[in-house]
Amino acid sequence: MFKNKYRIVLDLNDKYEVQIKRWWFPGWFQCHKPGGGCWNASRTIEEAREFAAKHKRRFVVEEVK
């Protein structure tokens, strides 16, 4: 229930953009690159998927099972 959601959309330049919907805030927003950069357009959907996966786990130090 308290998980962020990600989606990949085509932007106006026909590139793939990763967007995030935070569990605590309505609406979709562009994901930001670590370090403050905000341009995350990818040429291929595979690159966009990789960016989303990295963004999703960027604060995870270790997964405990």
PDB file of N, CA and C in Angstrom:
ATOM      1  N   MET A   1       0.808  -1.187   0.000  1.00  0.00           N
ATOM      2  CA  MET A   1       0.000   0.000   0.000  1.00  0.00           C
ATOM      3  C   MET A   1       0.862   1.266   0.000  1.00  0.00           C
ATOM      4  N   PHE A   2       1.947   1.282   0.736  1.00  0.00           N
ATOM      5  CA  PHE A   2       2.802   2.459   0.828  1.00  0.00           C
ATOM      6  C   PHE A   2       4.017   2.316  -0.075  1.00  0.00           C
ATOM      7  N   LYS A   3       3.800   2.062  -1.348  1.00  0.00           N
ATOM      8  CA  LYS A   3       4.896   1.919  -2.296  1.00  0.00           C
ATOM      9  C   LYS A   3       4.748   2.943  -3.408  1.00  0.00           C
ATOM     10  N   ASN A   4       5.872   3.459  -3.854  1.00  0.00           N
ATOM     11  CA  ASN A   4       5.861   4.355  -5.001  1.00  0.00           C
ATOM     12  C   ASN A   4       5.611   3.534  -6.260  1.00  0.00           C
ATOM     13  N   LYS A   5       5.002   4.173  -7.264  1.00  0.00           N
ATOM     14  CA  LYS A   5       4.744   3.508  -8.533  1.00  0.00           C
ATOM     15  C   LYS A   5       5.539   4.219  -9.615  1.00  0.00           C
ATOM     16  N   TYR A   6       5.976   3.449 -10.606  1.00  0.00           N
ATOM     17  CA  TYR A   6       6.744   3.995 -11.716  1.00  0.00           C
ATOM     18  C   TYR A   6       6.034   3.680 -13.023  1.00  0.00           C
ATOM     19  N   ARG A   7       6.218   4.580 -13.996  1.00  0.00           N
ATOM     20  CA  ARG A   7       5.727   4.310 -15.340  1.00  0.00           C
ATOM     21  C   ARG A   7       6.686   4.932 -16.340  1.00  0.00           C
ATOM     22  N   ILE A   8       6.629   4.422 -17.563  1.00  0.00           N
ATOM     23  CA  ILE A   8       7.459   4.929 -18.650  1.00  0.00           C
ATOM     24  C   ILE A   8       6.522   5.464 -19.718  1.00  0.00           C
ATOM     25  N   VAL A   9       6.740   6.702 -20.125  1.00  0.00           N
ATOM     26  CA  VAL A   9       5.904   7.341 -21.134  1.00  0.00           C
ATOM     27  C   VAL A   9       6.792   7.922 -22.247  1.00  0.00           C
ATOM     28  N   LEU A  10       6.192   8.164 -23.401  1.00  0.00           N
ATOM     29  CA  LEU A  10       6.893   8.855 -24.480  1.00  0.00           C
ATOM     30  C   LEU A  10       6.747  10.355 -24.279  1.00  0.00           C
ATOM     31  N   ASP A  11       7.855  11.088 -24.359  1.00  0.00           N
ATOM     32  CA  ASP A  11       7.761  12.537 -24.243  1.00  0.00           C
ATOM     33  C   ASP A  11       7.540  13.147 -25.625  1.00  0.00           C
ATOM     34  N   LEU A  12       7.541  14.469 -25.710  1.00  0.00           N
ATOM     35  CA  LEU A  12       7.276  15.146 -26.972  1.00  0.00           C
ATOM     36  C   LEU A  12       8.369  14.947 -28.010  1.00  0.00           C
ATOM     37  N   ASN A  13       9.553  14.520 -27.590  1.00  0.00           N
ATOM     38  CA  ASN A  13      10.673  14.282 -28.503  1.00  0.00           C
ATOM     39  C   ASN A  13      10.807  12.809 -28.865  1.00  0.00           C
ATOM     40  N   ASP A  14       9.761  12.025 -28.624  1.00  0.00           N
ATOM     41  CA  ASP A  14       9.752  10.588 -28.902  1.00  0.00           C
ATOM     42  C   ASP A  14      10.860   9.844 -28.171  1.00  0.00           C
ATOM     43  N   LYS A  15      11.119  10.251 -26.957  1.00  0.00           N
ATOM     44  CA  LYS A  15      12.045   9.543 -26.081  1.00  0.00           C
ATOM     45  C   LYS A  15      11.258   9.035 -24.886  1.00  0.00           C
ATOM     46  N   TYR A  16      11.803   8.041 -24.213  1.00  0.00           N
ATOM     47  CA  TYR A  16      11.121   7.429 -23.077  1.00  0.00           C
ATOM     48  C   TYR A  16      11.495   8.153 -21.789  1.00  0.00           C
ATOM     49  N   GLU A  17      10.493   8.501 -21.014  1.00  0.00           N
ATOM     50  CA  GLU A  17      10.696   9.230 -19.768  1.00  0.00           C
ATOM     51  C   GLU A  17      10.122   8.423 -18.606  1.00  0.00           C
ATOM     52  N   VAL A  18      10.884   8.324 -17.533  1.00  0.00           N
ATOM     53  CA  VAL A  18      10.434   7.606 -16.341  1.00  0.00           C
ATOM     54  C   VAL A  18       9.748   8.594 -15.414  1.00  0.00           C
ATOM     55  N   GLN A  19       8.548   8.221 -14.962  1.00  0.00           N
ATOM     56  CA  GLN A  19       7.793   9.053 -14.039  1.00  0.00           C
ATOM     57  C   GLN A  19       7.495   8.270 -12.771  1.00  0.00           C
ATOM     58  N   ILE A  20       7.316   8.998 -11.677  1.00  0.00           N
ATOM     59  CA  ILE A  20       7.056   8.382 -10.380  1.00  0.00           C
ATOM     60  C   ILE A  20       5.779   8.972  -9.779  1.00  0.00           C
ATOM     61  N   LYS A  21       5.038   8.127  -9.106  1.00  0.00           N
ATOM     62  CA  LYS A  21       3.883   8.556  -8.318  1.00  0.00           C
ATOM     63  C   LYS A  21       4.173   8.142  -6.882  1.00  0.00           C
ATOM     64  N   ARG A  22       4.445   9.105  -6.053  1.00  0.00           N
ATOM     65  CA  ARG A  22       4.748   8.827  -4.643  1.00  0.00           C
ATOM     66  C   ARG A  22       3.484   8.363  -3.926  1.00  0.00           C
ATOM     67  N   TRP A  23       3.607   7.468  -2.999  1.00  0.00           N
ATOM     68  CA  TRP A  23       2.447   6.905  -2.303  1.00  0.00           C
ATOM     69  C   TRP A  23       1.708   7.955  -1.496  1.00  0.00           C
ATOM     70  N   TRP A  24       2.388   9.019  -1.110  1.00  0.00           N
ATOM     71  CA  TRP A  24       1.801  10.026  -0.244  1.00  0.00           C
ATOM     72  C   TRP A  24       1.339  11.269  -0.991  1.00  0.00           C
ATOM     73  N   PHE A  25       1.495  11.307  -2.329  1.00  0.00           N
ATOM     74  CA  PHE A  25       1.148  12.503  -3.090  1.00  0.00           C
ATOM     75  C   PHE A  25       0.493  12.107  -4.409  1.00  0.00           C
ATOM     76  N   PRO A  26      -0.648  12.703  -4.751  1.00  0.00           N
ATOM     77  CA  PRO A  26      -1.304  12.348  -6.017  1.00  0.00           C
ATOM     78  C   PRO A  26      -0.580  12.961  -7.217  1.00  0.00           C
ATOM     79  N   GLY A  27      -0.614  12.294  -8.319  1.00  0.00           N
ATOM     80  CA  GLY A  27      -0.031  12.822  -9.548  1.00  0.00           C
ATOM     81  C   GLY A  27       1.294  12.188  -9.904  1.00  0.00           C
ATOM     82  N   TRP A  28       1.617  12.243 -11.169  1.00  0.00           N
ATOM     83  CA  TRP A  28       2.859  11.677 -11.700  1.00  0.00           C
ATOM     84  C   TRP A  28       3.863  12.791 -11.942  1.00  0.00           C
ATOM     85  N   PHE A  29       5.139  12.523 -11.598  1.00  0.00           N
ATOM     86  CA  PHE A  29       6.204  13.490 -11.774  1.00  0.00           C
ATOM     87  C   PHE A  29       7.412  12.821 -12.418  1.00  0.00           C
ATOM     88  N   GLN A  30       8.200  13.609 -13.123  1.00  0.00           N
ATOM     89  CA  GLN A  30       9.409  13.099 -13.754  1.00  0.00           C
ATOM     90  C   GLN A  30      10.423  12.713 -12.677  1.00  0.00           C
ATOM     91  N   CYS A  31      11.040  11.547 -12.843  1.00  0.00           N
ATOM     92  CA  CYS A  31      12.097  11.129 -11.914  1.00  0.00           C
ATOM     93  C   CYS A  31      13.335  11.970 -12.140  1.00  0.00           C
ATOM     94  N   HIS A  32      14.017  12.289 -11.060  1.00  0.00           N
ATOM     95  CA  HIS A  32      15.248  13.063 -11.154  1.00  0.00           C
ATOM     96  C   HIS A  32      16.447  12.149 -11.025  1.00  0.00           C
ATOM     97  N   LYS A  33      17.476  12.490 -11.760  1.00  0.00           N
ATOM     98  CA  LYS A  33      18.720  11.737 -11.654  1.00  0.00           C
ATOM     99  C   LYS A  33      19.384  12.073 -10.328  1.00  0.00           C
ATOM    100  N   PRO A  34      20.131  11.143  -9.759  1.00  0.00           N
ATOM    101  CA  PRO A  34      20.875  11.444  -8.535  1.00  0.00           C
ATOM    102  C   PRO A  34      21.832  12.609  -8.778  1.00  0.00           C
ATOM    103  N   GLY A  35      21.904  13.510  -7.851  1.00  0.00           N
ATOM    104  CA  GLY A  35      22.760  14.675  -7.999  1.00  0.00           C
ATOM    105  C   GLY A  35      22.003  15.904  -8.461  1.00  0.00           C
ATOM    106  N   GLY A  36      20.694  15.772  -8.665  1.00  0.00           N
ATOM    107  CA  GLY A  36      19.898  16.937  -8.991  1.00  0.00           C
ATOM    108  C   GLY A  36      19.539  17.115 -10.459  1.00  0.00           C
ATOM    109  N   GLY A  37      20.137  16.331 -11.348  1.00  0.00           N
ATOM    110  CA  GLY A  37      19.770  16.457 -12.755  1.00  0.00           C
ATOM    111  C   GLY A  37      18.349  15.983 -12.988  1.00  0.00           C
ATOM    112  N   CYS A  38      17.645  16.598 -13.918  1.00  0.00           N
ATOM    113  CA  CYS A  38      16.248  16.210 -14.103  1.00  0.00           C
ATOM    114  C   CYS A  38      15.965  15.631 -15.479  1.00  0.00           C
ATOM    115  N   TRP A  39      16.911  15.628 -16.388  1.00  0.00           N
ATOM    116  CA  TRP A  39      16.648  15.108 -17.721  1.00  0.00           C
ATOM    117  C   TRP A  39      16.878  13.608 -17.716  1.00  0.00           C
ATOM    118  N   ASN A  40      15.814  12.833 -17.848  1.00  0.00           N
ATOM    119  CA  ASN A  40      15.970  11.385 -17.797  1.00  0.00           C
ATOM    120  C   ASN A  40      15.448  10.711 -19.056  1.00  0.00           C
ATOM    121  N   ALA A  41      15.381  11.425 -20.180  1.00  0.00           N
ATOM    122  CA  ALA A  41      14.872  10.850 -21.415  1.00  0.00           C
ATOM    123  C   ALA A  41      15.850   9.790 -21.935  1.00  0.00           C
ATOM    124  N   SER A  42      15.302   8.651 -22.333  1.00  0.00           N
ATOM    125  CA  SER A  42      16.103   7.549 -22.846  1.00  0.00           C
ATOM    126  C   SER A  42      15.709   7.276 -24.288  1.00  0.00           C
ATOM    127  N   ARG A  43      16.669   6.803 -25.062  1.00  0.00           N
ATOM    128  CA  ARG A  43      16.394   6.498 -26.469  1.00  0.00           C
ATOM    129  C   ARG A  43      15.649   5.185 -26.636  1.00  0.00           C
ATOM    130  N   THR A  44      15.880   4.251 -25.711  1.00  0.00           N
ATOM    131  CA  THR A  44      15.218   2.953 -25.814  1.00  0.00           C
ATOM    132  C   THR A  44      14.458   2.666 -24.528  1.00  0.00           C
ATOM    133  N   ILE A  45      13.483   1.788 -24.645  1.00  0.00           N
ATOM    134  CA  ILE A  45      12.693   1.434 -23.462  1.00  0.00           C
ATOM    135  C   ILE A  45      13.533   0.634 -22.469  1.00  0.00           C
ATOM    136  N   GLU A  46      14.532  -0.095 -22.955  1.00  0.00           N
ATOM    137  CA  GLU A  46      15.413  -0.844 -22.052  1.00  0.00           C
ATOM    138  C   GLU A  46      16.210   0.099 -21.159  1.00  0.00           C
ATOM    139  N   GLU A  47      16.708   1.201 -21.728  1.00  0.00           N
ATOM    140  CA  GLU A  47      17.426   2.194 -20.935  1.00  0.00           C
ATOM    141  C   GLU A  47      16.501   2.822 -19.893  1.00  0.00           C
ATOM    142  N   ALA A  48      15.261   3.076 -20.281  1.00  0.00           N
ATOM    143  CA  ALA A  48      14.294   3.655 -19.347  1.00  0.00           C
ATOM    144  C   ALA A  48      13.988   2.682 -18.213  1.00  0.00           C
ATOM    145  N   ARG A  49      13.847   1.397 -18.530  1.00  0.00           N
ATOM    146  CA  ARG A  49      13.606   0.394 -17.483  1.00  0.00           C
ATOM    147  C   ARG A  49      14.777   0.315 -16.517  1.00  0.00           C
ATOM    148  N   GLU A  50      15.989   0.385 -17.050  1.00  0.00           N
ATOM    149  CA  GLU A  50      17.188   0.341 -16.201  1.00  0.00           C
ATOM    150  C   GLU A  50      17.242   1.568 -15.284  1.00  0.00           C
ATOM    151  N   PHE A  51      16.905   2.736 -15.831  1.00  0.00           N
ATOM    152  CA  PHE A  51      16.887   3.952 -15.014  1.00  0.00           C
ATOM    153  C   PHE A  51      15.846   3.845 -13.902  1.00  0.00           C
ATOM    154  N   ALA A  52      14.656   3.331 -14.230  1.00  0.00           N
ATOM    155  CA  ALA A  52      13.606   3.177 -13.217  1.00  0.00           C
ATOM    156  C   ALA A  52      14.046   2.214 -12.120  1.00  0.00           C
ATOM    157  N   ALA A  53      14.703   1.122 -12.499  1.00  0.00           N
ATOM    158  CA  ALA A  53      15.166   0.160 -11.502  1.00  0.00           C
ATOM    159  C   ALA A  53      16.222   0.786 -10.595  1.00  0.00           C
ATOM    160  N   LYS A  54      17.132   1.554 -11.176  1.00  0.00           N
ATOM    161  CA  LYS A  54      18.152   2.218 -10.360  1.00  0.00           C
ATOM    162  C   LYS A  54      17.527   3.264  -9.445  1.00  0.00           C
ATOM    163  N   HIS A  55      16.560   3.999  -9.959  1.00  0.00           N
ATOM    164  CA  HIS A  55      15.904   5.029  -9.150  1.00  0.00           C
ATOM    165  C   HIS A  55      15.141   4.395  -7.998  1.00  0.00           C
ATOM    166  N   LYS A  56      14.519   3.267  -8.264  1.00  0.00           N
ATOM    167  CA  LYS A  56      13.720   2.585  -7.241  1.00  0.00           C
ATOM    168  C   LYS A  56      14.566   2.116  -6.068  1.00  0.00           C
ATOM    169  N   ARG A  57      15.782   1.682  -6.340  1.00  0.00           N
ATOM    170  CA  ARG A  57      16.609   1.129  -5.269  1.00  0.00           C
ATOM    171  C   ARG A  57      17.781   2.023  -4.878  1.00  0.00           C
ATOM    172  N   ARG A  58      17.748   3.297  -5.230  1.00  0.00           N
ATOM    173  CA  ARG A  58      18.904   4.151  -4.957  1.00  0.00           C
ATOM    174  C   ARG A  58      19.129   4.411  -3.485  1.00  0.00           C
ATOM    175  N   PHE A  59      18.122   4.256  -2.635  1.00  0.00           N
ATOM    176  CA  PHE A  59      18.296   4.465  -1.207  1.00  0.00           C
ATOM    177  C   PHE A  59      18.453   3.153  -0.448  1.00  0.00           C
ATOM    178  N   VAL A  60      18.335   2.031  -1.141  1.00  0.00           N
ATOM    179  CA  VAL A  60      18.468   0.730  -0.493  1.00  0.00           C
ATOM    180  C   VAL A  60      19.955   0.421  -0.347  1.00  0.00           C
ATOM    181  N   VAL A  61      20.370   0.163   0.863  1.00  0.00           N
ATOM    182  CA  VAL A  61      21.759  -0.204   1.125  1.00  0.00           C
ATOM    183  C   VAL A  61      21.921  -1.708   1.051  1.00  0.00           C
ATOM    184  N   GLU A  62      20.958  -2.421   1.637  1.00  0.00           N
ATOM    185  CA  GLU A  62      21.009  -3.884   1.639  1.00  0.00           C
ATOM    186  C   GLU A  62      19.593  -4.419   1.782  1.00  0.00           C
ATOM    187  N   GLU A  63      19.293  -5.454   1.015  1.00  0.00           N
ATOM    188  CA  GLU A  63      17.986  -6.087   1.130  1.00  0.00           C
ATOM    189  C   GLU A  63      18.084  -7.276   2.079  1.00  0.00           C
ATOM    190  N   VAL A  64      17.202  -7.333   3.062  1.00  0.00           N
ATOM    191  CA  VAL A  64      17.205  -8.400   4.049  1.00  0.00           C
ATOM    192  C   VAL A  64      15.992  -9.271   3.793  1.00  0.00           C
ATOM    193  N   LYS A  65      16.233 -10.576   3.727  1.00  0.00           N
ATOM    194  CA  LYS A  65      15.131 -11.509   3.468  1.00  0.00           C
ATOM    195  C   LYS A  65      14.847 -12.365   4.665  1.00  0.00           C
TER     196      LYS A  65
END
